[in-house]
Amino acid sequence: MVSKDDEPGEDEPFYRLIGGGVEFGEHSRKSVVREFREELDVELTNVNPTGTYENVFTFDGEQGHEIWRVYEGDIAEDWPYERDSFEGREPELDETYEATWMAPERLRDDVTFYDPVVLDDLGRR
């Protein structure tokens, strides 16, 4: 599952993994479960690490630097699997986004996805 976003001034959307920040003293595994609960109103189970990734990027003219701790898991509820997409909410920004199911092959070949290096490790657990 990925979120859809737009770079200001660009015509084509991009996609990225859903997630958020780790709070002080919080293990990253607990943080991903909390973020899915807060943003998508779902419970994440069977959470297992995929890898750690680092990315330096530019967005809206500003340079950023992030380190990702990526996990794979299952959503306990059935309803998200019954839809192609649904609305997610970023509570800290009071914004919504489209959460979309998208196959790794499509993320690799058909759309702009950040960061594609993650795709090599998905599904290996």
PDB file of N, CA and C in Angstrom:
ATOM      1  N   MET A   1       0.844  -1.160   0.000  1.00  0.00           N
ATOM      2  CA  MET A   1       0.000   0.000   0.000  1.00  0.00           C
ATOM      3  C   MET A   1       0.898   1.234   0.000  1.00  0.00           C
ATOM      4  N   VAL A   2       0.542   2.177  -0.853  1.00  0.00           N
ATOM      5  CA  VAL A   2       1.320   3.405  -0.994  1.00  0.00           C
ATOM      6  C   VAL A   2       0.400   4.616  -0.906  1.00  0.00           C
ATOM      7  N   SER A   3       0.999   5.761  -0.667  1.00  0.00           N
ATOM      8  CA  SER A   3       0.239   7.008  -0.696  1.00  0.00           C
ATOM      9  C   SER A   3       0.587   7.765  -1.971  1.00  0.00           C
ATOM     10  N   LYS A   4      -0.399   8.472  -2.481  1.00  0.00           N
ATOM     11  CA  LYS A   4      -0.245   9.262  -3.701  1.00  0.00           C
ATOM     12  C   LYS A   4      -0.064  10.716  -3.301  1.00  0.00           C
ATOM     13  N   ASP A   5       0.886  11.394  -3.934  1.00  0.00           N
ATOM     14  CA  ASP A   5       1.163  12.795  -3.620  1.00  0.00           C
ATOM     15  C   ASP A   5       1.556  13.509  -4.909  1.00  0.00           C
ATOM     16  N   ASP A   6       1.682  14.807  -4.827  1.00  0.00           N
ATOM     17  CA  ASP A   6       2.069  15.616  -5.977  1.00  0.00           C
ATOM     18  C   ASP A   6       3.194  16.558  -5.582  1.00  0.00           C
ATOM     19  N   GLU A   7       4.177  16.667  -6.451  1.00  0.00           N
ATOM     20  CA  GLU A   7       5.235  17.664  -6.306  1.00  0.00           C
ATOM     21  C   GLU A   7       4.659  18.978  -6.825  1.00  0.00           C
ATOM     22  N   PRO A   8       4.698  20.050  -6.034  1.00  0.00           N
ATOM     23  CA  PRO A   8       4.189  21.337  -6.535  1.00  0.00           C
ATOM     24  C   PRO A   8       4.840  21.716  -7.863  1.00  0.00           C
ATOM     25  N   GLY A   9       4.010  22.087  -8.837  1.00  0.00           N
ATOM     26  CA  GLY A   9       4.496  22.495 -10.149  1.00  0.00           C
ATOM     27  C   GLY A   9       4.735  21.356 -11.122  1.00  0.00           C
ATOM     28  N   GLU A  10       4.540  20.118 -10.696  1.00  0.00           N
ATOM     29  CA  GLU A  10       4.725  18.962 -11.574  1.00  0.00           C
ATOM     30  C   GLU A  10       3.365  18.436 -12.013  1.00  0.00           C
ATOM     31  N   ASP A  11       3.306  17.837 -13.194  1.00  0.00           N
ATOM     32  CA  ASP A  11       2.053  17.323 -13.740  1.00  0.00           C
ATOM     33  C   ASP A  11       1.748  15.888 -13.314  1.00  0.00           C
ATOM     34  N   GLU A  12       2.765  15.149 -12.933  1.00  0.00           N
ATOM     35  CA  GLU A  12       2.595  13.731 -12.648  1.00  0.00           C
ATOM     36  C   GLU A  12       2.684  13.460 -11.145  1.00  0.00           C
ATOM     37  N   PRO A  13       1.751  12.667 -10.598  1.00  0.00           N
ATOM     38  CA  PRO A  13       1.846  12.330  -9.178  1.00  0.00           C
ATOM     39  C   PRO A  13       3.006  11.367  -8.921  1.00  0.00           C
ATOM     40  N   PHE A  14       3.376  11.243  -7.663  1.00  0.00           N
ATOM     41  CA  PHE A  14       4.352  10.231  -7.269  1.00  0.00           C
ATOM     42  C   PHE A  14       3.761   9.429  -6.120  1.00  0.00           C
ATOM     43  N   TYR A  15       4.381   8.308  -5.829  1.00  0.00           N
ATOM     44  CA  TYR A  15       3.902   7.405  -4.782  1.00  0.00           C
ATOM     45  C   TYR A  15       5.048   7.111  -3.826  1.00  0.00           C
ATOM     46  N   ARG A  16       4.681   6.852  -2.579  1.00  0.00           N
ATOM     47  CA  ARG A  16       5.661   6.489  -1.564  1.00  0.00           C
ATOM     48  C   ARG A  16       5.011   5.581  -0.540  1.00  0.00           C
ATOM     49  N   LEU A  17       5.816   4.898   0.234  1.00  0.00           N
ATOM     50  CA  LEU A  17       5.278   4.031   1.276  1.00  0.00           C
ATOM     51  C   LEU A  17       4.571   4.864   2.338  1.00  0.00           C
ATOM     52  N   ILE A  18       3.570   4.281   2.941  1.00  0.00           N
ATOM     53  CA  ILE A  18       2.845   4.946   4.023  1.00  0.00           C
ATOM     54  C   ILE A  18       3.630   4.769   5.309  1.00  0.00           C
ATOM     55  N   GLY A  19       3.698   5.804   6.093  1.00  0.00           N
ATOM     56  CA  GLY A  19       4.409   5.718   7.357  1.00  0.00           C
ATOM     57  C   GLY A  19       4.471   7.066   8.019  1.00  0.00           C
ATOM     58  N   GLY A  20       5.418   7.202   8.890  1.00  0.00           N
ATOM     59  CA  GLY A  20       5.551   8.459   9.621  1.00  0.00           C
ATOM     60  C   GLY A  20       6.772   8.424  10.502  1.00  0.00           C
ATOM     61  N   GLY A  21       6.814   9.339  11.432  1.00  0.00           N
ATOM     62  CA  GLY A  21       7.977   9.471  12.296  1.00  0.00           C
ATOM     63  C   GLY A  21       7.929   8.588  13.525  1.00  0.00           C
ATOM     64  N   VAL A  22       9.093   8.284  14.033  1.00  0.00           N
ATOM     65  CA  VAL A  22       9.246   7.543  15.277  1.00  0.00           C
ATOM     66  C   VAL A  22       9.332   8.563  16.405  1.00  0.00           C
ATOM     67  N   GLU A  23       8.496   8.390  17.417  1.00  0.00           N
ATOM     68  CA  GLU A  23       8.528   9.292  18.568  1.00  0.00           C
ATOM     69  C   GLU A  23       9.670   8.912  19.493  1.00  0.00           C
ATOM     70  N   PHE A  24      10.147   9.873  20.252  1.00  0.00           N
ATOM     71  CA  PHE A  24      11.260   9.628  21.174  1.00  0.00           C
ATOM     72  C   PHE A  24      10.920   8.467  22.112  1.00  0.00           C
ATOM     73  N   GLY A  25      11.832   7.501  22.197  1.00  0.00           N
ATOM     74  CA  GLY A  25      11.654   6.351  23.070  1.00  0.00           C
ATOM     75  C   GLY A  25      10.791   5.239  22.486  1.00  0.00           C
ATOM     76  N   GLU A  26      10.281   5.420  21.278  1.00  0.00           N
ATOM     77  CA  GLU A  26       9.395   4.449  20.647  1.00  0.00           C
ATOM     78  C   GLU A  26      10.205   3.577  19.687  1.00  0.00           C
ATOM     79  N   HIS A  27      10.005   2.287  19.744  1.00  0.00           N
ATOM     80  CA  HIS A  27      10.647   1.387  18.784  1.00  0.00           C
ATOM     81  C   HIS A  27       9.973   1.567  17.425  1.00  0.00           C
ATOM     82  N   SER A  28      10.744   1.478  16.345  1.00  0.00           N
ATOM     83  CA  SER A  28      10.187   1.700  15.013  1.00  0.00           C
ATOM     84  C   SER A  28       9.074   0.714  14.667  1.00  0.00           C
ATOM     85  N   ARG A  29       9.121  -0.499  15.185  1.00  0.00           N
ATOM     86  CA  ARG A  29       8.050  -1.481  14.934  1.00  0.00           C
ATOM     87  C   ARG A  29       6.732  -0.984  15.533  1.00  0.00           C
ATOM     88  N   LYS A  30       6.789  -0.437  16.731  1.00  0.00           N
ATOM     89  CA  LYS A  30       5.568   0.108  17.348  1.00  0.00           C
ATOM     90  C   LYS A  30       5.106   1.367  16.625  1.00  0.00           C
ATOM     91  N   SER A  31       6.051   2.118  16.111  1.00  0.00           N
ATOM     92  CA  SER A  31       5.700   3.352  15.412  1.00  0.00           C
ATOM     93  C   SER A  31       4.907   3.075  14.149  1.00  0.00           C
ATOM     94  N   VAL A  32       5.276   2.039  13.373  1.00  0.00           N
ATOM     95  CA  VAL A  32       4.536   1.750  12.143  1.00  0.00           C
ATOM     96  C   VAL A  32       3.117   1.276  12.468  1.00  0.00           C
ATOM     97  N   VAL A  33       2.953   0.521  13.530  1.00  0.00           N
ATOM     98  CA  VAL A  33       1.619   0.082  13.949  1.00  0.00           C
ATOM     99  C   VAL A  33       0.789   1.297  14.352  1.00  0.00           C
ATOM    100  N   ARG A  34       1.386   2.214  15.123  1.00  0.00           N
ATOM    101  CA  ARG A  34       0.689   3.431  15.556  1.00  0.00           C
ATOM    102  C   ARG A  34       0.315   4.299  14.358  1.00  0.00           C
ATOM    103  N   GLU A  35       1.237   4.481  13.427  1.00  0.00           N
ATOM    104  CA  GLU A  35       0.976   5.325  12.262  1.00  0.00           C
ATOM    105  C   GLU A  35      -0.172   4.768  11.411  1.00  0.00           C
ATOM    106  N   PHE A  36      -0.213   3.458  11.203  1.00  0.00           N
ATOM    107  CA  PHE A  36      -1.315   2.880  10.432  1.00  0.00           C
ATOM    108  C   PHE A  36      -2.647   3.060  11.165  1.00  0.00           C
ATOM    109  N   ARG A  37      -2.628   2.953  12.490  1.00  0.00           N
ATOM    110  CA  ARG A  37      -3.847   3.168  13.267  1.00  0.00           C
ATOM    111  C   ARG A  37      -4.298   4.622  13.153  1.00  0.00           C
ATOM    112  N   GLU A  38      -3.359   5.566  13.305  1.00  0.00           N
ATOM    113  CA  GLU A  38      -3.694   6.990  13.264  1.00  0.00           C
ATOM    114  C   GLU A  38      -4.115   7.455  11.873  1.00  0.00           C
ATOM    115  N   GLU A  39      -3.403   7.018  10.852  1.00  0.00           N
ATOM    116  CA  GLU A  39      -3.638   7.542   9.505  1.00  0.00           C
ATOM    117  C   GLU A  39      -4.696   6.781   8.725  1.00  0.00           C
ATOM    118  N   LEU A  40      -4.799   5.465   8.937  1.00  0.00           N
ATOM    119  CA  LEU A  40      -5.711   4.648   8.129  1.00  0.00           C
ATOM    120  C   LEU A  40      -6.835   4.014   8.939  1.00  0.00           C
ATOM    121  N   ASP A  41      -6.767   4.122  10.273  1.00  0.00           N
ATOM    122  CA  ASP A  41      -7.763   3.543  11.169  1.00  0.00           C
ATOM    123  C   ASP A  41      -7.846   2.027  10.999  1.00  0.00           C
ATOM    124  N   VAL A  42      -6.671   1.388  10.901  1.00  0.00           N
ATOM    125  CA  VAL A  42      -6.576  -0.068  10.790  1.00  0.00           C
ATOM    126  C   VAL A  42      -5.516  -0.576  11.768  1.00  0.00           C
ATOM    127  N   GLU A  43      -5.629  -1.858  12.108  1.00  0.00           N
ATOM    128  CA  GLU A  43      -4.636  -2.505  12.960  1.00  0.00           C
ATOM    129  C   GLU A  43      -3.685  -3.315  12.097  1.00  0.00           C
ATOM    130  N   LEU A  44      -2.408  -3.102  12.283  1.00  0.00           N
ATOM    131  CA  LEU A  44      -1.377  -3.814  11.546  1.00  0.00           C
ATOM    132  C   LEU A  44      -0.889  -4.979  12.411  1.00  0.00           C
ATOM    133  N   THR A  45      -0.838  -6.186  11.827  1.00  0.00           N
ATOM    134  CA  THR A  45      -0.384  -7.382  12.543  1.00  0.00           C
ATOM    135  C   THR A  45       0.733  -8.050  11.748  1.00  0.00           C
ATOM    136  N   ASN A  46       1.361  -9.048  12.373  1.00  0.00           N
ATOM    137  CA  ASN A  46       2.445  -9.805  11.719  1.00  0.00           C
ATOM    138  C   ASN A  46       3.488  -8.870  11.121  1.00  0.00           C
ATOM    139  N   VAL A  47       3.913  -7.909  11.904  1.00  0.00           N
ATOM    140  CA  VAL A  47       4.845  -6.869  11.452  1.00  0.00           C
ATOM    141  C   VAL A  47       6.274  -7.401  11.528  1.00  0.00           C
ATOM    142  N   ASN A  48       6.958  -7.385  10.373  1.00  0.00           N
ATOM    143  CA  ASN A  48       8.327  -7.869  10.293  1.00  0.00           C
ATOM    144  C   ASN A  48       9.185  -6.889   9.511  1.00  0.00           C
ATOM    145  N   PRO A  49      10.441  -6.715   9.934  1.00  0.00           N
ATOM    146  CA  PRO A  49      11.313  -5.759   9.244  1.00  0.00           C
ATOM    147  C   PRO A  49      11.676  -6.223   7.837  1.00  0.00           C
ATOM    148  N   THR A  50      11.743  -5.253   6.935  1.00  0.00           N
ATOM    149  CA  THR A  50      12.186  -5.491   5.561  1.00  0.00           C
ATOM    150  C   THR A  50      13.597  -4.976   5.367  1.00  0.00           C
ATOM    151  N   GLY A  51      13.882  -3.778   5.902  1.00  0.00           N
ATOM    152  CA  GLY A  51      15.209  -3.206   5.761  1.00  0.00           C
ATOM    153  C   GLY A  51      15.253  -1.766   6.218  1.00  0.00           C
ATOM    154  N   THR A  52      16.434  -1.190   6.130  1.00  0.00           N
ATOM    155  CA  THR A  52      16.659   0.205   6.483  1.00  0.00           C
ATOM    156  C   THR A  52      17.234   0.897   5.255  1.00  0.00           C
ATOM    157  N   TYR A  53      16.709   2.079   4.955  1.00  0.00           N
ATOM    158  CA  TYR A  53      17.059   2.796   3.732  1.00  0.00           C
ATOM    159  C   TYR A  53      17.285   4.259   4.057  1.00  0.00           C
ATOM    160  N   GLU A  54      18.114   4.895   3.259  1.00  0.00           N
ATOM    161  CA  GLU A  54      18.419   6.311   3.443  1.00  0.00           C
ATOM    162  C   GLU A  54      18.242   7.024   2.117  1.00  0.00           C
ATOM    163  N   ASN A  55      17.691   8.236   2.164  1.00  0.00           N
ATOM    164  CA  ASN A  55      17.411   8.970   0.941  1.00  0.00           C
ATOM    165  C   ASN A  55      17.635  10.465   1.161  1.00  0.00           C
ATOM    166  N   VAL A  56      18.392  11.081   0.275  1.00  0.00           N
ATOM    167  CA  VAL A  56      18.535  12.535   0.222  1.00  0.00           C
ATOM    168  C   VAL A  56      17.734  12.980  -0.994  1.00  0.00           C
ATOM    169  N   PHE A  57      16.870  13.972  -0.821  1.00  0.00           N
ATOM    170  CA  PHE A  57      15.933  14.330  -1.879  1.00  0.00           C
ATOM    171  C   PHE A  57      15.648  15.828  -1.858  1.00  0.00           C
ATOM    172  N   THR A  58      14.983  16.295  -2.912  1.00  0.00           N
ATOM    173  CA  THR A  58      14.496  17.673  -2.976  1.00  0.00           C
ATOM    174  C   THR A  58      13.000  17.618  -3.214  1.00  0.00           C
ATOM    175  N   PHE A  59      12.244  18.351  -2.403  1.00  0.00           N
ATOM    176  CA  PHE A  59      10.796  18.436  -2.544  1.00  0.00           C
ATOM    177  C   PHE A  59      10.380  19.881  -2.373  1.00  0.00           C
ATOM    178  N   ASP A  60       9.652  20.392  -3.340  1.00  0.00           N
ATOM    179  CA  ASP A  60       9.165  21.773  -3.314  1.00  0.00           C
ATOM    180  C   ASP A  60      10.327  22.755  -3.112  1.00  0.00           C
ATOM    181  N   GLY A  61      11.465  22.430  -3.753  1.00  0.00           N
ATOM    182  CA  GLY A  61      12.622  23.310  -3.702  1.00  0.00           C
ATOM    183  C   GLY A  61      13.466  23.200  -2.446  1.00  0.00           C
ATOM    184  N   GLU A  62      13.069  22.348  -1.512  1.00  0.00           N
ATOM    185  CA  GLU A  62      13.813  22.180  -0.251  1.00  0.00           C
ATOM    186  C   GLU A  62      14.476  20.806  -0.222  1.00  0.00           C
ATOM    187  N   GLN A  63      15.740  20.786   0.202  1.00  0.00           N
ATOM    188  CA  GLN A  63      16.437  19.509   0.314  1.00  0.00           C
ATOM    189  C   GLN A  63      16.052  18.842   1.630  1.00  0.00           C
ATOM    190  N   GLY A  64      15.863  17.531   1.563  1.00  0.00           N
ATOM    191  CA  GLY A  64      15.538  16.749   2.752  1.00  0.00           C
ATOM    192  C   GLY A  64      16.425  15.524   2.839  1.00  0.00           C
ATOM    193  N   HIS A  65      16.427  14.922   4.007  1.00  0.00           N
ATOM    194  CA  HIS A  65      17.224  13.728   4.259  1.00  0.00           C
ATOM    195  C   HIS A  65      16.413  12.858   5.209  1.00  0.00           C
ATOM    196  N   GLU A  66      16.168  11.622   4.801  1.00  0.00           N
ATOM    197  CA  GLU A  66      15.373  10.747   5.652  1.00  0.00           C
ATOM    198  C   GLU A  66      15.990   9.362   5.721  1.00  0.00           C
ATOM    199  N   ILE A  67      15.742   8.706   6.829  1.00  0.00           N
ATOM    200  CA  ILE A  67      16.139   7.317   7.020  1.00  0.00           C
ATOM    201  C   ILE A  67      14.852   6.547   7.274  1.00  0.00           C
ATOM    202  N   TRP A  68      14.625   5.500   6.497  1.00  0.00           N
ATOM    203  CA  TRP A  68      13.411   4.702   6.615  1.00  0.00           C
ATOM    204  C   TRP A  68      13.738   3.371   7.265  1.00  0.00           C
ATOM    205  N   ARG A  69      12.923   2.978   8.166  1.00  0.00           N
ATOM    206  CA  ARG A  69      12.919   1.614   8.704  1.00  0.00           C
ATOM    207  C   ARG A  69      11.626   1.013   8.159  1.00  0.00           C
ATOM    208  N   VAL A  70      11.718   0.093   7.201  1.00  0.00           N
ATOM    209  CA  VAL A  70      10.553  -0.413   6.477  1.00  0.00           C
ATOM    210  C   VAL A  70      10.140  -1.777   7.040  1.00  0.00           C
ATOM    211  N   TYR A  71       8.824  -1.932   7.206  1.00  0.00           N
ATOM    212  CA  TYR A  71       8.235  -3.171   7.703  1.00  0.00           C
ATOM    213  C   TYR A  71       7.157  -3.647   6.737  1.00  0.00           C
ATOM    214  N   GLU A  72       6.942  -4.955   6.718  1.00  0.00           N
ATOM    215  CA  GLU A  72       5.790  -5.535   6.041  1.00  0.00           C
ATOM    216  C   GLU A  72       4.885  -6.113   7.120  1.00  0.00           C
ATOM    217  N   GLY A  73       3.593  -6.099   6.850  1.00  0.00           N
ATOM    218  CA  GLY A  73       2.639  -6.646   7.803  1.00  0.00           C
ATOM    219  C   GLY A  73       1.304  -6.892   7.139  1.00  0.00           C
ATOM    220  N   ASP A  74       0.363  -7.327   7.923  1.00  0.00           N
ATOM    221  CA  ASP A  74      -0.995  -7.597   7.459  1.00  0.00           C
ATOM    222  C   ASP A  74      -1.950  -6.630   8.149  1.00  0.00           C
ATOM    223  N   ILE A  75      -2.983  -6.228   7.441  1.00  0.00           N
ATOM    224  CA  ILE A  75      -4.035  -5.413   8.031  1.00  0.00           C
ATOM    225  C   ILE A  75      -5.087  -6.369   8.580  1.00  0.00           C
ATOM    226  N   ALA A  76      -5.452  -6.207   9.850  1.00  0.00           N
ATOM    227  CA  ALA A  76      -6.388  -7.123  10.513  1.00  0.00           C
ATOM    228  C   ALA A  76      -7.793  -7.040   9.910  1.00  0.00           C
ATOM    229  N   GLU A  77      -8.201  -5.858   9.506  1.00  0.00           N
ATOM    230  CA  GLU A  77      -9.541  -5.677   8.960  1.00  0.00           C
ATOM    231  C   GLU A  77      -9.584  -6.148   7.509  1.00  0.00           C
ATOM    232  N   ASP A  78     -10.759  -6.602   7.064  1.00  0.00           N
ATOM    233  CA  ASP A  78     -10.939  -7.058   5.682  1.00  0.00           C
ATOM    234  C   ASP A  78     -11.212  -5.916   4.711  1.00  0.00           C
ATOM    235  N   TRP A  79     -11.888  -4.858   5.166  1.00  0.00           N
ATOM    236  CA  TRP A  79     -12.379  -3.833   4.245  1.00  0.00           C
ATOM    237  C   TRP A  79     -11.288  -3.179   3.395  1.00  0.00           C
ATOM    238  N   PRO A  80     -10.062  -2.942   3.887  1.00  0.00           N
ATOM    239  CA  PRO A  80      -9.070  -2.316   2.996  1.00  0.00           C
ATOM    240  C   PRO A  80      -8.710  -3.191   1.791  1.00  0.00           C
ATOM    241  N   TYR A  81      -8.738  -4.509   1.977  1.00  0.00           N
ATOM    242  CA  TYR A  81      -8.396  -5.422   0.886  1.00  0.00           C
ATOM    243  C   TYR A  81      -9.505  -5.495  -0.166  1.00  0.00           C
ATOM    244  N   GLU A  82     -10.686  -5.033   0.189  1.00  0.00           N
ATOM    245  CA  GLU A  82     -11.833  -5.068  -0.718  1.00  0.00           C
ATOM    246  C   GLU A  82     -11.916  -3.826  -1.598  1.00  0.00           C
ATOM    247  N   ARG A  83     -11.020  -2.875  -1.419  1.00  0.00           N
ATOM    248  CA  ARG A  83     -11.033  -1.623  -2.164  1.00  0.00           C
ATOM    249  C   ARG A  83      -9.713  -1.437  -2.906  1.00  0.00           C
ATOM    250  N   ASP A  84      -9.758  -0.726  -4.026  1.00  0.00           N
ATOM    251  CA  ASP A  84      -8.531  -0.390  -4.745  1.00  0.00           C
ATOM    252  C   ASP A  84      -7.777   0.732  -4.045  1.00  0.00           C
ATOM    253  N   SER A  85      -8.534   1.635  -3.424  1.00  0.00           N
ATOM    254  CA  SER A  85      -7.923   2.754  -2.700  1.00  0.00           C
ATOM    255  C   SER A  85      -8.916   3.277  -1.677  1.00  0.00           C
ATOM    256  N   PHE A  86      -8.409   4.035  -0.730  1.00  0.00           N
ATOM    257  CA  PHE A  86      -9.252   4.687   0.262  1.00  0.00           C
ATOM    258  C   PHE A  86      -8.491   5.857   0.855  1.00  0.00           C
ATOM    259  N   GLU A  87      -9.168   6.661   1.633  1.00  0.00           N
ATOM    260  CA  GLU A  87      -8.577   7.890   2.148  1.00  0.00           C
ATOM    261  C   GLU A  87      -7.777   7.637   3.419  1.00  0.00           C
ATOM    262  N   GLY A  88      -6.566   8.170   3.435  1.00  0.00           N
ATOM    263  CA  GLY A  88      -5.751   8.202   4.630  1.00  0.00           C
ATOM    264  C   GLY A  88      -5.718   9.632   5.139  1.00  0.00           C
ATOM    265  N   ARG A  89      -5.347   9.790   6.409  1.00  0.00           N
ATOM    266  CA  ARG A  89      -5.339  11.131   6.990  1.00  0.00           C
ATOM    267  C   ARG A  89      -4.041  11.350   7.748  1.00  0.00           C
ATOM    268  N   GLU A  90      -3.386  12.453   7.457  1.00  0.00           N
ATOM    269  CA  GLU A  90      -2.179  12.868   8.169  1.00  0.00           C
ATOM    270  C   GLU A  90      -2.630  13.852   9.248  1.00  0.00           C
ATOM    271  N   PRO A  91      -2.855  13.354  10.490  1.00  0.00           N
ATOM    272  CA  PRO A  91      -3.446  14.211  11.523  1.00  0.00           C
ATOM    273  C   PRO A  91      -2.598  15.431  11.895  1.00  0.00           C
ATOM    274  N   GLU A  92      -1.285  15.286  11.877  1.00  0.00           N
ATOM    275  CA  GLU A  92      -0.427  16.414  12.268  1.00  0.00           C
ATOM    276  C   GLU A  92      -0.520  17.569  11.284  1.00  0.00           C
ATOM    277  N   LEU A  93      -0.803  17.268  10.016  1.00  0.00           N
ATOM    278  CA  LEU A  93      -0.909  18.309   8.985  1.00  0.00           C
ATOM    279  C   LEU A  93      -2.363  18.645   8.658  1.00  0.00           C
ATOM    280  N   ASP A  94      -3.297  17.890   9.246  1.00  0.00           N
ATOM    281  CA  ASP A  94      -4.719  18.037   8.959  1.00  0.00           C
ATOM    282  C   ASP A  94      -4.976  17.948   7.455  1.00  0.00           C
ATOM    283  N   GLU A  95      -4.359  16.924   6.839  1.00  0.00           N
ATOM    284  CA  GLU A  95      -4.493  16.692   5.396  1.00  0.00           C
ATOM    285  C   GLU A  95      -4.899  15.245   5.158  1.00  0.00           C
ATOM    286  N   THR A  96      -5.501  15.012   4.011  1.00  0.00           N
ATOM    287  CA  THR A  96      -5.839  13.655   3.616  1.00  0.00           C
ATOM    288  C   THR A  96      -5.016  13.277   2.388  1.00  0.00           C
ATOM    289  N   TYR A  97      -4.928  11.977   2.139  1.00  0.00           N
ATOM    290  CA  TYR A  97      -4.225  11.468   0.960  1.00  0.00           C
ATOM    291  C   TYR A  97      -4.914  10.197   0.505  1.00  0.00           C
ATOM    292  N   GLU A  98      -4.622   9.796  -0.724  1.00  0.00           N
ATOM    293  CA  GLU A  98      -5.165   8.561  -1.268  1.00  0.00           C
ATOM    294  C   GLU A  98      -4.212   7.411  -0.959  1.00  0.00           C
ATOM    295  N   ALA A  99      -4.707   6.418  -0.233  1.00  0.00           N
ATOM    296  CA  ALA A  99      -3.958   5.187   0.024  1.00  0.00           C
ATOM    297  C   ALA A  99      -4.358   4.186  -1.051  1.00  0.00           C
ATOM    298  N   THR A 100      -3.382   3.643  -1.768  1.00  0.00           N
ATOM    299  CA  THR A 100      -3.644   2.823  -2.948  1.00  0.00           C
ATOM    300  C   THR A 100      -2.856   1.519  -2.888  1.00  0.00           C
ATOM    301  N   TRP A 101      -3.514   0.428  -3.276  1.00  0.00           N
ATOM    302  CA  TRP A 101      -2.804  -0.834  -3.469  1.00  0.00           C
ATOM    303  C   TRP A 101      -2.148  -0.785  -4.840  1.00  0.00           C
ATOM    304  N   MET A 102      -0.867  -1.091  -4.895  1.00  0.00           N
ATOM    305  CA  MET A 102      -0.173  -1.076  -6.179  1.00  0.00           C
ATOM    306  C   MET A 102       0.914  -2.148  -6.157  1.00  0.00           C
ATOM    307  N   ALA A 103       0.930  -2.977  -7.178  1.00  0.00           N
ATOM    308  CA  ALA A 103       1.910  -4.059  -7.276  1.00  0.00           C
ATOM    309  C   ALA A 103       3.310  -3.489  -7.441  1.00  0.00           C
ATOM    310  N   PRO A 104       4.321  -4.159  -6.859  1.00  0.00           N
ATOM    311  CA  PRO A 104       5.703  -3.689  -7.014  1.00  0.00           C
ATOM    312  C   PRO A 104       6.117  -3.492  -8.471  1.00  0.00           C
ATOM    313  N   GLU A 105       5.639  -4.352  -9.380  1.00  0.00           N
ATOM    314  CA  GLU A 105       6.001  -4.214 -10.798  1.00  0.00           C
ATOM    315  C   GLU A 105       5.500  -2.886 -11.359  1.00  0.00           C
ATOM    316  N   ARG A 106       4.307  -2.496 -10.977  1.00  0.00           N
ATOM    317  CA  ARG A 106       3.756  -1.222 -11.453  1.00  0.00           C
ATOM    318  C   ARG A 106       4.530  -0.051 -10.845  1.00  0.00           C
ATOM    319  N   LEU A 107       4.893  -0.170  -9.570  1.00  0.00           N
ATOM    320  CA  LEU A 107       5.675   0.889  -8.928  1.00  0.00           C
ATOM    321  C   LEU A 107       7.040   1.033  -9.598  1.00  0.00           C
ATOM    322  N   ARG A 108       7.587  -0.068 -10.035  1.00  0.00           N
ATOM    323  CA  ARG A 108       8.908  -0.057 -10.663  1.00  0.00           C
ATOM    324  C   ARG A 108       8.853   0.481 -12.099  1.00  0.00           C
ATOM    325  N   ASP A 109       7.794   0.130 -12.849  1.00  0.00           N
ATOM    326  CA  ASP A 109       7.793   0.371 -14.290  1.00  0.00           C
ATOM    327  C   ASP A 109       6.846   1.459 -14.785  1.00  0.00           C
ATOM    328  N   ASP A 110       5.751   1.723 -14.085  1.00  0.00           N
ATOM    329  CA  ASP A 110       4.692   2.559 -14.652  1.00  0.00           C
ATOM    330  C   ASP A 110       4.476   3.914 -13.992  1.00  0.00           C
ATOM    331  N   VAL A 111       4.971   4.095 -12.783  1.00  0.00           N
ATOM    332  CA  VAL A 111       4.728   5.347 -12.055  1.00  0.00           C
ATOM    333  C   VAL A 111       6.034   5.804 -11.407  1.00  0.00           C
ATOM    334  N   THR A 112       6.022   7.005 -10.856  1.00  0.00           N
ATOM    335  CA  THR A 112       7.173   7.496 -10.098  1.00  0.00           C
ATOM    336  C   THR A 112       6.989   7.069  -8.647  1.00  0.00           C
ATOM    337  N   PHE A 113       7.948   6.299  -8.129  1.00  0.00           N
ATOM    338  CA  PHE A 113       7.893   5.769  -6.762  1.00  0.00           C
ATOM    339  C   PHE A 113       9.193   6.096  -6.048  1.00  0.00           C
ATOM    340  N   TYR A 114       9.080   6.592  -4.829  1.00  0.00           N
ATOM    341  CA  TYR A 114      10.253   6.893  -4.007  1.00  0.00           C
ATOM    342  C   TYR A 114      10.283   5.970  -2.805  1.00  0.00           C
ATOM    343  N   ASP A 115      11.270   5.312  -2.578  1.00  0.00           N
ATOM    344  CA  ASP A 115      12.483   5.102  -3.327  1.00  0.00           C
ATOM    345  C   ASP A 115      12.465   3.684  -3.876  1.00  0.00           C
ATOM    346  N   PRO A 116      12.671   3.504  -5.169  1.00  0.00           N
ATOM    347  CA  PRO A 116      12.526   2.180  -5.782  1.00  0.00           C
ATOM    348  C   PRO A 116      13.451   1.105  -5.229  1.00  0.00           C
ATOM    349  N   VAL A 117      14.522   1.464  -4.555  1.00  0.00           N
ATOM    350  CA  VAL A 117      15.424   0.464  -3.982  1.00  0.00           C
ATOM    351  C   VAL A 117      14.676  -0.437  -2.986  1.00  0.00           C
ATOM    352  N   VAL A 118      13.620   0.063  -2.375  1.00  0.00           N
ATOM    353  CA  VAL A 118      12.827  -0.719  -1.416  1.00  0.00           C
ATOM    354  C   VAL A 118      12.162  -1.909  -2.105  1.00  0.00           C
ATOM    355  N   LEU A 119      11.798  -1.760  -3.356  1.00  0.00           N
ATOM    356  CA  LEU A 119      11.047  -2.797  -4.065  1.00  0.00           C
ATOM    357  C   LEU A 119      11.819  -4.111  -4.160  1.00  0.00           C
ATOM    358  N   ASP A 120      13.128  -4.049  -4.204  1.00  0.00           N
ATOM    359  CA  ASP A 120      13.925  -5.264  -4.302  1.00  0.00           C
ATOM    360  C   ASP A 120      13.797  -6.144  -3.065  1.00  0.00           C
ATOM    361  N   ASP A 121      13.474  -5.537  -1.920  1.00  0.00           N
ATOM    362  CA  ASP A 121      13.412  -6.280  -0.678  1.00  0.00           C
ATOM    363  C   ASP A 121      11.998  -6.663  -0.241  1.00  0.00           C
ATOM    364  N   LEU A 122      10.972  -6.091  -0.848  1.00  0.00           N
ATOM    365  CA  LEU A 122       9.594  -6.421  -0.464  1.00  0.00           C
ATOM    366  C   LEU A 122       9.255  -7.851  -0.868  1.00  0.00           C
ATOM    367  N   GLY A 123       8.499  -8.519  -0.016  1.00  0.00           N
ATOM    368  CA  GLY A 123       8.067  -9.880  -0.314  1.00  0.00           C
ATOM    369  C   GLY A 123       9.086 -10.960  -0.020  1.00  0.00           C
ATOM    370  N   ARG A 124      10.181 -10.617   0.620  1.00  0.00           N
ATOM    371  CA  ARG A 124      11.225 -11.608   0.908  1.00  0.00           C
ATOM    372  C   ARG A 124      11.101 -12.236   2.284  1.00  0.00           C
ATOM    373  N   ARG A 125      10.106 -11.863   3.046  1.00  0.00           N
ATOM    374  CA  ARG A 125      10.019 -12.413   4.408  1.00  0.00           C
ATOM    375  C   ARG A 125       9.441 -13.778   4.428  1.00  0.00           C
TER     376      ARG A 125
END
